[in-house]
Amino acid sequence: METFIKTLIYIHAFLGGLGLLSGLSSVYFRKGNTSHKESGKIFSAAMISSSLISLIIARLPNHENTFLFLIGLFTIYMILAGNRALTFKSKEKSAADTLDKIISGSMLFISIIMLGLGVLGILQKIEGSILYVFFARFGLFMSVNDFKYFKRLTTKNIAYLKSHIGRMVGALIASFTAFLVAGLHFNETIYWMAPTVLGTVYIIYWIKKVDKHKVSTIK
């Protein structure tokens, strides 16, 4: 069994590394061009595959880890929601469909669970519980904003692009965090939080850029 688990871990790490490299490439290339789109597809496939494997690993004997299981679900949400956001670019799509609502609703539910586990852990003085609360807040923010956006689809705007940027960069942050924690073995709380804080600054920068320029002029 342990040999099987190690094999899964190696595959998970390889796909995570591929996701990190392709994600960085996607950030580097001009937004919207072929290279950006192709590297984005590789990034999405690699991250979803890596995250799905992490869900299995986190429930196997001697490797049970509820926090990593929930983070895996969080990452899958960001990839799915980030790609689904682009479907709202089409003028033919005038409302969020069932799949959109299931993806965002699931993340809302997962975030509430994370928040509850975090608060309970803090009260019981369980080490690392603050991380549940930290990531739950981001999950709640994203999923609630999804539903707010679903209600104002009739307004002509480029909110879909902001959503795409926020979720995809969020998934890239998850990949980089995994590299620090699992790859370089920096397990302190600061290494879990710092990439998210810095990445959020980057997301805010791009969202402000989107607000100031038309989509066709974004570089």
N, C-alpha and C. Protein backbone atom coordinates (compact mmCIF):
# COMPACT_ATOMS: atom_id res chain seq x y z
N MET A 1 0.83 -1.21 0.00
CA MET A 1 0.00 0.00 0.00
C MET A 1 0.86 1.27 0.00
N GLU A 2 1.93 1.25 0.82
CA GLU A 2 2.77 2.43 0.92
C GLU A 2 3.47 2.73 -0.41
N THR A 3 3.84 1.68 -1.14
CA THR A 3 4.46 1.88 -2.45
C THR A 3 3.48 2.55 -3.41
N PHE A 4 2.23 2.12 -3.34
CA PHE A 4 1.18 2.71 -4.17
C PHE A 4 0.99 4.19 -3.82
N ILE A 5 0.99 4.48 -2.52
CA ILE A 5 0.81 5.86 -2.07
C ILE A 5 1.97 6.73 -2.53
N LYS A 6 3.20 6.20 -2.43
CA LYS A 6 4.36 6.97 -2.86
C LYS A 6 4.30 7.26 -4.36
N THR A 7 3.81 6.29 -5.12
CA THR A 7 3.66 6.49 -6.56
C THR A 7 2.67 7.62 -6.83
N LEU A 8 1.57 7.62 -6.09
CA LEU A 8 0.58 8.69 -6.24
C LEU A 8 1.19 10.05 -5.88
N ILE A 9 2.00 10.06 -4.83
CA ILE A 9 2.63 11.31 -4.40
C ILE A 9 3.58 11.84 -5.48
N TYR A 10 4.33 10.95 -6.11
CA TYR A 10 5.26 11.36 -7.17
C TYR A 10 4.49 11.92 -8.38
N ILE A 11 3.40 11.25 -8.73
CA ILE A 11 2.59 11.72 -9.86
C ILE A 11 1.97 13.07 -9.51
N HIS A 12 1.47 13.17 -8.28
CA HIS A 12 0.88 14.42 -7.79
C HIS A 12 1.91 15.56 -7.85
N ALA A 13 3.13 15.28 -7.41
CA ALA A 13 4.18 16.30 -7.40
C ALA A 13 4.57 16.70 -8.82
N PHE A 14 4.66 15.72 -9.71
CA PHE A 14 5.01 16.01 -11.11
C PHE A 14 3.96 16.91 -11.75
N LEU A 15 2.70 16.55 -11.56
CA LEU A 15 1.62 17.35 -12.15
C LEU A 15 1.56 18.74 -11.52
N GLY A 16 1.84 18.81 -10.22
CA GLY A 16 1.87 20.10 -9.55
C GLY A 16 2.99 20.98 -10.10
N GLY A 17 4.15 20.37 -10.36
CA GLY A 17 5.27 21.11 -10.94
C GLY A 17 4.94 21.58 -12.34
N LEU A 18 4.28 20.71 -13.12
CA LEU A 18 3.87 21.08 -14.47
C LEU A 18 2.87 22.23 -14.42
N GLY A 19 1.98 22.17 -13.43
CA GLY A 19 1.00 23.24 -13.26
C GLY A 19 1.67 24.56 -12.93
N LEU A 20 2.66 24.51 -12.05
CA LEU A 20 3.37 25.73 -11.66
C LEU A 20 4.08 26.36 -12.85
N LEU A 21 4.80 25.55 -13.62
CA LEU A 21 5.55 26.06 -14.77
C LEU A 21 4.62 26.60 -15.86
N SER A 22 3.57 25.85 -16.16
CA SER A 22 2.64 26.31 -17.20
C SER A 22 1.85 27.52 -16.73
N GLY A 23 1.57 27.58 -15.43
CA GLY A 23 0.87 28.74 -14.89
C GLY A 23 1.71 30.00 -14.98
N LEU A 24 2.99 29.87 -14.65
CA LEU A 24 3.90 31.02 -14.76
C LEU A 24 4.05 31.44 -16.22
N SER A 25 4.05 30.46 -17.12
CA SER A 25 4.14 30.77 -18.55
C SER A 25 2.91 31.54 -19.01
N SER A 26 1.76 31.12 -18.52
CA SER A 26 0.51 31.78 -18.88
C SER A 26 0.50 33.23 -18.41
N VAL A 27 1.07 33.47 -17.23
CA VAL A 27 1.16 34.84 -16.71
C VAL A 27 2.11 35.67 -17.57
N TYR A 28 3.18 35.04 -18.03
CA TYR A 28 4.19 35.75 -18.82
C TYR A 28 3.67 36.16 -20.20
N PHE A 29 2.94 35.26 -20.86
CA PHE A 29 2.47 35.54 -22.22
C PHE A 29 1.39 36.62 -22.22
N ARG A 30 1.30 37.33 -23.33
CA ARG A 30 0.28 38.36 -23.50
C ARG A 30 -1.10 37.75 -23.31
N LYS A 31 -1.92 38.39 -22.50
CA LYS A 31 -3.24 37.87 -22.19
C LYS A 31 -4.11 37.77 -23.45
N GLY A 32 -4.66 36.59 -23.66
CA GLY A 32 -5.57 36.38 -24.77
C GLY A 32 -4.94 35.78 -26.02
N ASN A 33 -3.59 35.77 -26.10
CA ASN A 33 -2.99 35.21 -27.31
C ASN A 33 -2.93 33.68 -27.23
N THR A 34 -2.51 33.05 -28.32
CA THR A 34 -2.52 31.59 -28.39
C THR A 34 -1.65 30.94 -27.32
N SER A 35 -0.46 31.48 -27.09
CA SER A 35 0.45 30.90 -26.09
C SER A 35 -0.16 30.97 -24.70
N HIS A 36 -0.81 32.08 -24.40
CA HIS A 36 -1.47 32.24 -23.10
C HIS A 36 -2.57 31.20 -22.93
N LYS A 37 -3.37 31.02 -23.97
CA LYS A 37 -4.48 30.08 -23.90
C LYS A 37 -4.00 28.64 -23.78
N GLU A 38 -2.98 28.28 -24.58
CA GLU A 38 -2.49 26.91 -24.56
C GLU A 38 -1.82 26.57 -23.22
N SER A 39 -1.01 27.49 -22.71
CA SER A 39 -0.37 27.24 -21.41
C SER A 39 -1.43 27.20 -20.31
N GLY A 40 -2.50 27.99 -20.49
CA GLY A 40 -3.60 27.98 -19.52
C GLY A 40 -4.32 26.64 -19.50
N LYS A 41 -4.47 26.03 -20.68
CA LYS A 41 -5.12 24.72 -20.76
C LYS A 41 -4.28 23.66 -20.05
N ILE A 42 -2.96 23.71 -20.27
CA ILE A 42 -2.07 22.76 -19.61
C ILE A 42 -2.12 22.96 -18.10
N PHE A 43 -2.10 24.23 -17.70
CA PHE A 43 -2.17 24.58 -16.28
C PHE A 43 -3.44 24.01 -15.65
N SER A 44 -4.57 24.22 -16.30
CA SER A 44 -5.85 23.75 -15.76
C SER A 44 -5.88 22.23 -15.63
N ALA A 45 -5.45 21.54 -16.69
CA ALA A 45 -5.47 20.07 -16.68
C ALA A 45 -4.53 19.52 -15.61
N ALA A 46 -3.34 20.11 -15.52
CA ALA A 46 -2.35 19.63 -14.55
C ALA A 46 -2.81 19.86 -13.12
N MET A 47 -3.36 21.04 -12.86
CA MET A 47 -3.77 21.38 -11.50
C MET A 47 -4.98 20.57 -11.05
N ILE A 48 -5.93 20.36 -11.94
CA ILE A 48 -7.10 19.56 -11.57
C ILE A 48 -6.67 18.11 -11.31
N SER A 49 -5.82 17.58 -12.18
CA SER A 49 -5.35 16.20 -12.02
C SER A 49 -4.56 16.05 -10.72
N SER A 50 -3.66 16.99 -10.47
CA SER A 50 -2.85 16.95 -9.25
C SER A 50 -3.73 17.06 -8.01
N SER A 51 -4.72 17.93 -8.07
CA SER A 51 -5.61 18.12 -6.92
C SER A 51 -6.48 16.90 -6.67
N LEU A 52 -6.96 16.28 -7.73
CA LEU A 52 -7.77 15.07 -7.57
C LEU A 52 -6.97 13.96 -6.90
N ILE A 53 -5.71 13.84 -7.30
CA ILE A 53 -4.84 12.82 -6.69
C ILE A 53 -4.60 13.17 -5.21
N SER A 54 -4.47 14.46 -4.92
CA SER A 54 -4.25 14.87 -3.53
C SER A 54 -5.44 14.51 -2.65
N LEU A 55 -6.64 14.53 -3.23
CA LEU A 55 -7.84 14.15 -2.47
C LEU A 55 -7.76 12.68 -2.05
N ILE A 56 -7.25 11.86 -2.96
CA ILE A 56 -7.11 10.43 -2.67
C ILE A 56 -6.05 10.22 -1.59
N ILE A 57 -4.89 10.86 -1.78
CA ILE A 57 -3.79 10.70 -0.83
C ILE A 57 -4.20 11.13 0.57
N ALA A 58 -4.93 12.24 0.65
CA ALA A 58 -5.30 12.80 1.95
C ALA A 58 -6.30 11.95 2.72
N ARG A 59 -6.82 10.89 2.10
CA ARG A 59 -7.76 10.00 2.79
C ARG A 59 -7.20 8.59 2.96
N LEU A 60 -5.97 8.36 2.52
CA LEU A 60 -5.38 7.03 2.63
C LEU A 60 -4.73 6.82 4.00
N PRO A 61 -4.61 5.57 4.44
CA PRO A 61 -4.04 5.26 5.77
C PRO A 61 -2.67 5.90 5.99
N ASN A 62 -2.49 6.49 7.16
CA ASN A 62 -1.24 7.14 7.57
C ASN A 62 -0.95 8.44 6.81
N HIS A 63 -1.89 8.85 5.97
CA HIS A 63 -1.71 10.10 5.23
C HIS A 63 -2.97 10.98 5.34
N GLU A 64 -3.86 10.62 6.26
CA GLU A 64 -5.10 11.37 6.40
C GLU A 64 -4.81 12.82 6.78
N ASN A 65 -5.40 13.73 6.03
CA ASN A 65 -5.17 15.15 6.30
C ASN A 65 -6.38 15.94 5.80
N THR A 66 -7.25 16.28 6.71
CA THR A 66 -8.49 16.98 6.36
C THR A 66 -8.20 18.34 5.73
N PHE A 67 -7.21 19.05 6.26
CA PHE A 67 -6.90 20.38 5.75
C PHE A 67 -6.46 20.32 4.29
N LEU A 68 -5.54 19.41 3.97
CA LEU A 68 -5.06 19.29 2.59
C LEU A 68 -6.17 18.80 1.66
N PHE A 69 -7.07 17.99 2.18
CA PHE A 69 -8.21 17.52 1.39
C PHE A 69 -9.08 18.72 0.99
N LEU A 70 -9.36 19.58 1.95
CA LEU A 70 -10.19 20.76 1.68
C LEU A 70 -9.48 21.76 0.76
N ILE A 71 -8.16 21.89 0.93
CA ILE A 71 -7.39 22.78 0.05
C ILE A 71 -7.41 22.25 -1.38
N GLY A 72 -7.38 20.92 -1.51
CA GLY A 72 -7.48 20.32 -2.84
C GLY A 72 -8.80 20.67 -3.50
N LEU A 73 -9.88 20.61 -2.74
CA LEU A 73 -11.20 20.99 -3.26
C LEU A 73 -11.23 22.47 -3.62
N PHE A 74 -10.60 23.29 -2.79
CA PHE A 74 -10.53 24.73 -3.03
C PHE A 74 -9.83 25.00 -4.37
N THR A 75 -8.72 24.31 -4.60
CA THR A 75 -7.96 24.49 -5.83
C THR A 75 -8.78 24.08 -7.06
N ILE A 76 -9.48 22.96 -6.94
CA ILE A 76 -10.33 22.51 -8.05
C ILE A 76 -11.41 23.54 -8.34
N TYR A 77 -11.99 24.10 -7.29
CA TYR A 77 -13.00 25.15 -7.47
C TYR A 77 -12.43 26.32 -8.26
N MET A 78 -11.24 26.78 -7.88
CA MET A 78 -10.66 27.96 -8.55
C MET A 78 -10.41 27.70 -10.03
N ILE A 79 -9.94 26.50 -10.36
CA ILE A 79 -9.71 26.17 -11.77
C ILE A 79 -11.03 26.11 -12.53
N LEU A 80 -12.01 25.41 -11.97
CA LEU A 80 -13.30 25.28 -12.64
C LEU A 80 -13.99 26.64 -12.78
N ALA A 81 -14.03 27.40 -11.70
CA ALA A 81 -14.70 28.71 -11.73
C ALA A 81 -13.95 29.68 -12.63
N GLY A 82 -12.62 29.60 -12.63
CA GLY A 82 -11.82 30.48 -13.48
C GLY A 82 -12.08 30.24 -14.95
N ASN A 83 -12.23 28.98 -15.32
CA ASN A 83 -12.52 28.65 -16.72
C ASN A 83 -13.98 28.93 -17.07
N ARG A 84 -14.88 28.64 -16.14
CA ARG A 84 -16.30 28.91 -16.38
C ARG A 84 -16.56 30.41 -16.54
N ALA A 85 -15.74 31.23 -15.89
CA ALA A 85 -15.93 32.68 -15.97
C ALA A 85 -15.86 33.15 -17.42
N LEU A 86 -15.02 32.51 -18.22
CA LEU A 86 -14.86 32.92 -19.62
C LEU A 86 -16.11 32.63 -20.45
N THR A 87 -16.95 31.72 -19.99
CA THR A 87 -18.17 31.41 -20.75
C THR A 87 -19.14 32.59 -20.71
N PHE A 88 -18.97 33.47 -19.72
CA PHE A 88 -19.85 34.63 -19.61
C PHE A 88 -19.47 35.74 -20.59
N LYS A 89 -18.37 35.53 -21.30
CA LYS A 89 -17.96 36.50 -22.31
C LYS A 89 -18.94 36.48 -23.48
N SER A 90 -19.53 35.32 -23.72
CA SER A 90 -20.48 35.18 -24.83
C SER A 90 -21.77 35.94 -24.55
N LYS A 91 -22.22 36.70 -25.54
CA LYS A 91 -23.46 37.46 -25.40
C LYS A 91 -24.67 36.54 -25.35
N GLU A 92 -24.47 35.30 -25.80
CA GLU A 92 -25.58 34.34 -25.82
C GLU A 92 -25.88 33.80 -24.43
N LYS A 93 -24.92 33.94 -23.52
CA LYS A 93 -25.14 33.44 -22.16
C LYS A 93 -25.64 34.59 -21.29
N SER A 94 -26.91 34.56 -20.99
CA SER A 94 -27.53 35.66 -20.26
C SER A 94 -27.76 35.35 -18.78
N ALA A 95 -27.45 34.11 -18.38
CA ALA A 95 -27.65 33.74 -16.98
C ALA A 95 -26.73 32.59 -16.60
N ALA A 96 -26.42 32.51 -15.32
CA ALA A 96 -25.59 31.40 -14.83
C ALA A 96 -26.40 30.12 -14.95
N ASP A 97 -25.75 29.04 -15.39
CA ASP A 97 -26.46 27.77 -15.50
C ASP A 97 -26.28 26.94 -14.24
N THR A 98 -26.85 25.75 -14.26
CA THR A 98 -26.82 24.89 -13.08
C THR A 98 -25.40 24.54 -12.66
N LEU A 99 -24.53 24.27 -13.64
CA LEU A 99 -23.15 23.90 -13.32
C LEU A 99 -22.42 25.05 -12.62
N ASP A 100 -22.63 26.27 -13.10
CA ASP A 100 -22.01 27.44 -12.46
C ASP A 100 -22.42 27.52 -10.99
N LYS A 101 -23.70 27.32 -10.74
CA LYS A 101 -24.22 27.43 -9.37
C LYS A 101 -23.74 26.29 -8.49
N ILE A 102 -23.61 25.10 -9.07
CA ILE A 102 -23.12 23.95 -8.30
C ILE A 102 -21.67 24.17 -7.88
N ILE A 103 -20.85 24.66 -8.81
CA ILE A 103 -19.43 24.91 -8.52
C ILE A 103 -19.28 25.94 -7.40
N SER A 104 -19.97 27.06 -7.54
CA SER A 104 -19.86 28.12 -6.53
C SER A 104 -20.54 27.74 -5.23
N GLY A 105 -21.68 27.05 -5.33
CA GLY A 105 -22.39 26.62 -4.13
C GLY A 105 -21.58 25.61 -3.33
N SER A 106 -20.89 24.73 -4.04
CA SER A 106 -20.04 23.74 -3.36
C SER A 106 -18.91 24.42 -2.60
N MET A 107 -18.32 25.45 -3.23
CA MET A 107 -17.23 26.17 -2.57
C MET A 107 -17.74 26.92 -1.35
N LEU A 108 -18.94 27.47 -1.45
CA LEU A 108 -19.53 28.16 -0.31
C LEU A 108 -19.71 27.19 0.86
N PHE A 109 -20.20 26.01 0.56
CA PHE A 109 -20.40 24.97 1.58
C PHE A 109 -19.07 24.53 2.18
N ILE A 110 -18.07 24.31 1.33
CA ILE A 110 -16.74 23.89 1.79
C ILE A 110 -16.11 24.97 2.68
N SER A 111 -16.30 26.23 2.30
CA SER A 111 -15.74 27.34 3.07
C SER A 111 -16.35 27.42 4.46
N ILE A 112 -17.65 27.17 4.54
CA ILE A 112 -18.33 27.18 5.84
C ILE A 112 -17.78 26.06 6.73
N ILE A 113 -17.54 24.89 6.11
CA ILE A 113 -16.97 23.77 6.86
C ILE A 113 -15.56 24.14 7.36
N MET A 114 -14.76 24.73 6.47
CA MET A 114 -13.41 25.13 6.85
C MET A 114 -13.43 26.14 8.00
N LEU A 115 -14.34 27.09 7.90
CA LEU A 115 -14.45 28.11 8.95
C LEU A 115 -14.83 27.47 10.28
N GLY A 116 -15.79 26.55 10.23
CA GLY A 116 -16.23 25.88 11.44
C GLY A 116 -15.11 25.06 12.08
N LEU A 117 -14.38 24.31 11.25
CA LEU A 117 -13.27 23.51 11.76
C LEU A 117 -12.17 24.41 12.34
N GLY A 118 -11.95 25.54 11.68
CA GLY A 118 -10.92 26.46 12.15
C GLY A 118 -11.26 27.07 13.49
N VAL A 119 -12.49 27.55 13.62
CA VAL A 119 -12.92 28.16 14.88
C VAL A 119 -12.90 27.13 16.00
N LEU A 120 -13.40 25.93 15.70
CA LEU A 120 -13.40 24.86 16.71
C LEU A 120 -11.97 24.51 17.11
N GLY A 121 -11.08 24.44 16.13
CA GLY A 121 -9.69 24.11 16.42
C GLY A 121 -9.00 25.18 17.25
N ILE A 122 -9.31 26.44 16.96
CA ILE A 122 -8.72 27.54 17.74
C ILE A 122 -9.19 27.48 19.19
N LEU A 123 -10.48 27.20 19.37
CA LEU A 123 -11.03 27.10 20.73
C LEU A 123 -10.39 25.94 21.49
N GLN A 124 -10.05 24.88 20.75
CA GLN A 124 -9.42 23.71 21.37
C GLN A 124 -7.90 23.81 21.37
N LYS A 125 -7.40 24.95 20.87
CA LYS A 125 -5.96 25.22 20.82
C LYS A 125 -5.20 24.17 20.01
N ILE A 126 -5.79 23.81 18.85
CA ILE A 126 -5.14 22.87 17.95
C ILE A 126 -4.24 23.65 16.99
N GLU A 127 -2.98 23.26 16.92
CA GLU A 127 -2.01 23.97 16.10
C GLU A 127 -2.41 23.97 14.62
N GLY A 128 -2.26 25.12 13.98
CA GLY A 128 -2.54 25.23 12.56
C GLY A 128 -3.99 25.54 12.22
N SER A 129 -4.84 25.65 13.23
CA SER A 129 -6.26 25.88 12.97
C SER A 129 -6.53 27.23 12.31
N ILE A 130 -5.64 28.19 12.55
CA ILE A 130 -5.81 29.51 11.95
C ILE A 130 -5.80 29.43 10.43
N LEU A 131 -5.13 28.42 9.87
CA LEU A 131 -5.08 28.27 8.42
C LEU A 131 -6.45 27.95 7.84
N TYR A 132 -7.24 27.18 8.58
CA TYR A 132 -8.61 26.89 8.14
C TYR A 132 -9.39 28.19 7.98
N VAL A 133 -9.28 29.05 9.00
CA VAL A 133 -10.01 30.32 8.99
C VAL A 133 -9.48 31.22 7.88
N PHE A 134 -8.16 31.25 7.73
CA PHE A 134 -7.51 32.10 6.73
C PHE A 134 -8.02 31.79 5.33
N PHE A 135 -8.00 30.52 4.96
CA PHE A 135 -8.43 30.14 3.61
C PHE A 135 -9.95 30.12 3.47
N ALA A 136 -10.65 29.87 4.56
CA ALA A 136 -12.11 29.89 4.52
C ALA A 136 -12.61 31.28 4.15
N ARG A 137 -11.95 32.31 4.64
CA ARG A 137 -12.35 33.68 4.34
C ARG A 137 -12.23 33.97 2.84
N PHE A 138 -11.16 33.48 2.23
CA PHE A 138 -11.00 33.67 0.79
C PHE A 138 -12.04 32.87 0.01
N GLY A 139 -12.32 31.66 0.48
CA GLY A 139 -13.32 30.83 -0.18
C GLY A 139 -14.70 31.46 -0.11
N LEU A 140 -15.04 31.99 1.05
CA LEU A 140 -16.33 32.66 1.22
C LEU A 140 -16.42 33.89 0.34
N PHE A 141 -15.34 34.66 0.31
CA PHE A 141 -15.32 35.88 -0.50
C PHE A 141 -15.55 35.56 -1.98
N MET A 142 -14.84 34.56 -2.48
CA MET A 142 -14.95 34.21 -3.90
C MET A 142 -16.32 33.66 -4.25
N SER A 143 -16.80 32.71 -3.45
CA SER A 143 -18.07 32.06 -3.77
C SER A 143 -19.25 33.02 -3.63
N VAL A 144 -19.24 33.85 -2.61
CA VAL A 144 -20.31 34.84 -2.45
C VAL A 144 -20.29 35.83 -3.60
N ASN A 145 -19.10 36.25 -4.01
CA ASN A 145 -18.98 37.17 -5.14
C ASN A 145 -19.47 36.53 -6.43
N ASP A 146 -19.28 35.22 -6.56
CA ASP A 146 -19.81 34.52 -7.74
C ASP A 146 -21.31 34.73 -7.85
N PHE A 147 -22.01 34.51 -6.75
CA PHE A 147 -23.47 34.63 -6.77
C PHE A 147 -23.91 36.08 -6.97
N LYS A 148 -23.14 37.01 -6.46
CA LYS A 148 -23.45 38.42 -6.69
C LYS A 148 -23.33 38.74 -8.18
N TYR A 149 -22.28 38.18 -8.80
CA TYR A 149 -22.07 38.40 -10.23
C TYR A 149 -23.18 37.76 -11.05
N PHE A 150 -23.62 36.58 -10.64
CA PHE A 150 -24.68 35.89 -11.37
C PHE A 150 -25.95 36.74 -11.46
N LYS A 151 -26.16 37.59 -10.45
CA LYS A 151 -27.38 38.40 -10.41
C LYS A 151 -27.31 39.64 -11.29
N ARG A 152 -26.11 40.02 -11.73
CA ARG A 152 -26.00 41.25 -12.52
C ARG A 152 -25.41 40.99 -13.91
N LEU A 153 -25.74 39.85 -14.47
CA LEU A 153 -25.22 39.50 -15.79
C LEU A 153 -25.76 40.39 -16.90
N THR A 154 -26.90 41.01 -16.65
CA THR A 154 -27.50 41.85 -17.70
C THR A 154 -26.73 43.15 -17.89
N THR A 155 -25.91 43.50 -16.91
CA THR A 155 -25.13 44.73 -17.01
C THR A 155 -23.90 44.48 -17.87
N LYS A 156 -23.67 45.36 -18.84
CA LYS A 156 -22.50 45.20 -19.71
C LYS A 156 -21.24 45.59 -18.95
N ASN A 157 -20.41 44.61 -18.68
CA ASN A 157 -19.14 44.86 -17.99
C ASN A 157 -18.17 43.74 -18.31
N ILE A 158 -17.01 43.81 -17.73
CA ILE A 158 -16.00 42.77 -17.95
C ILE A 158 -15.68 42.07 -16.63
N ALA A 159 -16.72 41.94 -15.81
CA ALA A 159 -16.55 41.27 -14.52
C ALA A 159 -16.10 39.82 -14.71
N TYR A 160 -16.50 39.22 -15.85
CA TYR A 160 -16.10 37.84 -16.11
C TYR A 160 -14.58 37.72 -16.16
N LEU A 161 -13.92 38.75 -16.70
CA LEU A 161 -12.47 38.73 -16.82
C LEU A 161 -11.81 38.88 -15.45
N LYS A 162 -12.40 39.71 -14.61
CA LYS A 162 -11.89 39.87 -13.25
C LYS A 162 -11.99 38.54 -12.50
N SER A 163 -13.13 37.87 -12.68
CA SER A 163 -13.34 36.59 -12.02
C SER A 163 -12.33 35.56 -12.53
N HIS A 164 -12.10 35.55 -13.83
CA HIS A 164 -11.15 34.62 -14.43
C HIS A 164 -9.75 34.85 -13.86
N ILE A 165 -9.33 36.10 -13.83
CA ILE A 165 -8.00 36.44 -13.31
C ILE A 165 -7.87 36.03 -11.85
N GLY A 166 -8.86 36.39 -11.04
CA GLY A 166 -8.80 36.10 -9.61
C GLY A 166 -8.71 34.63 -9.30
N ARG A 167 -9.53 33.83 -9.98
CA ARG A 167 -9.54 32.39 -9.69
C ARG A 167 -8.31 31.67 -10.25
N MET A 168 -7.89 32.02 -11.46
CA MET A 168 -6.75 31.33 -12.06
C MET A 168 -5.44 31.70 -11.34
N VAL A 169 -5.29 32.97 -11.00
CA VAL A 169 -4.10 33.36 -10.24
C VAL A 169 -4.15 32.72 -8.85
N GLY A 170 -5.36 32.60 -8.31
CA GLY A 170 -5.52 31.93 -7.02
C GLY A 170 -5.03 30.49 -7.08
N ALA A 171 -5.35 29.80 -8.18
CA ALA A 171 -4.89 28.42 -8.35
C ALA A 171 -3.37 28.37 -8.51
N LEU A 172 -2.81 29.38 -9.18
CA LEU A 172 -1.35 29.45 -9.33
C LEU A 172 -0.69 29.67 -7.97
N ILE A 173 -1.32 30.48 -7.14
CA ILE A 173 -0.82 30.70 -5.78
C ILE A 173 -0.81 29.38 -5.02
N ALA A 174 -1.86 28.58 -5.20
CA ALA A 174 -1.95 27.28 -4.54
C ALA A 174 -0.80 26.38 -4.98
N SER A 175 -0.48 26.44 -6.27
CA SER A 175 0.62 25.63 -6.80
C SER A 175 1.96 26.06 -6.21
N PHE A 176 2.17 27.37 -6.13
CA PHE A 176 3.42 27.90 -5.59
C PHE A 176 3.54 27.58 -4.10
N THR A 177 2.41 27.67 -3.39
CA THR A 177 2.40 27.36 -1.96
C THR A 177 2.77 25.89 -1.73
N ALA A 178 2.22 25.02 -2.58
CA ALA A 178 2.53 23.59 -2.47
C ALA A 178 4.01 23.35 -2.71
N PHE A 179 4.59 24.11 -3.64
CA PHE A 179 6.03 23.98 -3.92
C PHE A 179 6.85 24.35 -2.68
N LEU A 180 6.45 25.43 -2.01
CA LEU A 180 7.18 25.86 -0.82
C LEU A 180 7.03 24.87 0.33
N VAL A 181 5.79 24.44 0.56
CA VAL A 181 5.50 23.60 1.72
C VAL A 181 5.91 22.14 1.50
N ALA A 182 5.49 21.57 0.37
CA ALA A 182 5.78 20.15 0.12
C ALA A 182 7.13 19.94 -0.56
N GLY A 183 7.48 20.84 -1.48
CA GLY A 183 8.73 20.68 -2.21
C GLY A 183 9.95 21.10 -1.42
N LEU A 184 9.88 22.28 -0.81
CA LEU A 184 11.02 22.80 -0.06
C LEU A 184 10.91 22.57 1.44
N HIS A 185 9.77 22.00 1.86
CA HIS A 185 9.53 21.65 3.27
C HIS A 185 9.56 22.86 4.20
N PHE A 186 9.04 23.99 3.72
CA PHE A 186 8.86 25.15 4.58
C PHE A 186 7.46 25.04 5.18
N ASN A 187 7.36 24.45 6.35
CA ASN A 187 6.05 24.12 6.91
C ASN A 187 5.47 25.17 7.86
N GLU A 188 6.22 26.23 8.13
CA GLU A 188 5.72 27.24 9.05
C GLU A 188 4.48 27.94 8.47
N THR A 189 3.64 28.42 9.35
CA THR A 189 2.38 29.06 8.94
C THR A 189 2.60 30.21 7.96
N ILE A 190 3.67 30.96 8.14
CA ILE A 190 3.94 32.11 7.28
C ILE A 190 4.08 31.71 5.82
N TYR A 191 4.62 30.51 5.57
CA TYR A 191 4.81 30.07 4.19
C TYR A 191 3.49 29.62 3.55
N TRP A 192 2.52 29.30 4.38
CA TRP A 192 1.19 29.01 3.86
C TRP A 192 0.45 30.30 3.50
N MET A 193 0.68 31.34 4.30
CA MET A 193 -0.08 32.58 4.13
C MET A 193 0.56 33.58 3.16
N ALA A 194 1.89 33.69 3.21
CA ALA A 194 2.58 34.73 2.44
C ALA A 194 2.27 34.69 0.94
N PRO A 195 2.30 33.52 0.27
CA PRO A 195 2.00 33.51 -1.16
C PRO A 195 0.60 34.04 -1.47
N THR A 196 -0.35 33.72 -0.60
CA THR A 196 -1.72 34.19 -0.82
C THR A 196 -1.82 35.70 -0.66
N VAL A 197 -1.14 36.23 0.34
CA VAL A 197 -1.16 37.69 0.56
C VAL A 197 -0.52 38.41 -0.62
N LEU A 198 0.66 37.95 -1.03
CA LEU A 198 1.36 38.58 -2.15
C LEU A 198 0.60 38.38 -3.46
N GLY A 199 0.04 37.19 -3.63
CA GLY A 199 -0.73 36.91 -4.84
C GLY A 199 -1.98 37.76 -4.93
N THR A 200 -2.58 38.04 -3.79
CA THR A 200 -3.78 38.88 -3.76
C THR A 200 -3.44 40.30 -4.21
N VAL A 201 -2.27 40.77 -3.83
CA VAL A 201 -1.82 42.09 -4.29
C VAL A 201 -1.70 42.10 -5.81
N TYR A 202 -1.17 41.02 -6.36
CA TYR A 202 -1.03 40.90 -7.82
C TYR A 202 -2.40 40.88 -8.50
N ILE A 203 -3.34 40.16 -7.90
CA ILE A 203 -4.70 40.09 -8.45
C ILE A 203 -5.35 41.47 -8.45
N ILE A 204 -5.19 42.19 -7.35
CA ILE A 204 -5.75 43.54 -7.24
C ILE A 204 -5.15 44.45 -8.31
N TYR A 205 -3.85 44.30 -8.54
CA TYR A 205 -3.17 45.09 -9.57
C TYR A 205 -3.82 44.87 -10.94
N TRP A 206 -4.06 43.59 -11.28
CA TRP A 206 -4.63 43.28 -12.59
C TRP A 206 -6.09 43.71 -12.69
N ILE A 207 -6.82 43.57 -11.61
CA ILE A 207 -8.23 43.98 -11.64
C ILE A 207 -8.33 45.49 -11.85
N LYS A 208 -7.44 46.24 -11.22
CA LYS A 208 -7.43 47.69 -11.42
C LYS A 208 -7.04 48.03 -12.85
N LYS A 209 -6.14 47.23 -13.42
CA LYS A 209 -5.72 47.45 -14.80
C LYS A 209 -6.88 47.17 -15.75
N VAL A 210 -7.65 46.14 -15.44
CA VAL A 210 -8.82 45.81 -16.25
C VAL A 210 -9.85 46.94 -16.18
N ASP A 211 -10.00 47.52 -15.01
CA ASP A 211 -10.95 48.62 -14.83
C ASP A 211 -10.56 49.86 -15.64
N LYS A 212 -9.26 50.06 -15.83
CA LYS A 212 -8.78 51.27 -16.48
C LYS A 212 -8.68 51.15 -18.00
N HIS A 213 -8.58 49.93 -18.49
CA HIS A 213 -8.38 49.75 -19.92
C HIS A 213 -9.42 48.81 -20.52
N LYS A 214 -9.64 48.94 -21.79
CA LYS A 214 -10.52 48.02 -22.49
C LYS A 214 -9.80 46.70 -22.63
N VAL A 215 -10.56 45.64 -22.76
CA VAL A 215 -9.99 44.30 -22.84
C VAL A 215 -8.97 44.20 -23.96
N SER A 216 -9.23 44.83 -25.07
CA SER A 216 -8.35 44.72 -26.23
C SER A 216 -7.00 45.38 -26.04
N THR A 217 -6.88 46.24 -25.03
CA THR A 217 -5.62 46.96 -24.83
C THR A 217 -4.80 46.39 -23.70
N ILE A 218 -5.32 45.38 -23.00
CA ILE A 218 -4.59 44.80 -21.88
C ILE A 218 -3.38 44.03 -22.39
N LYS A 219 -2.24 44.25 -21.79
CA LYS A 219 -1.02 43.56 -22.21
C LYS A 219 -0.54 42.63 -21.11
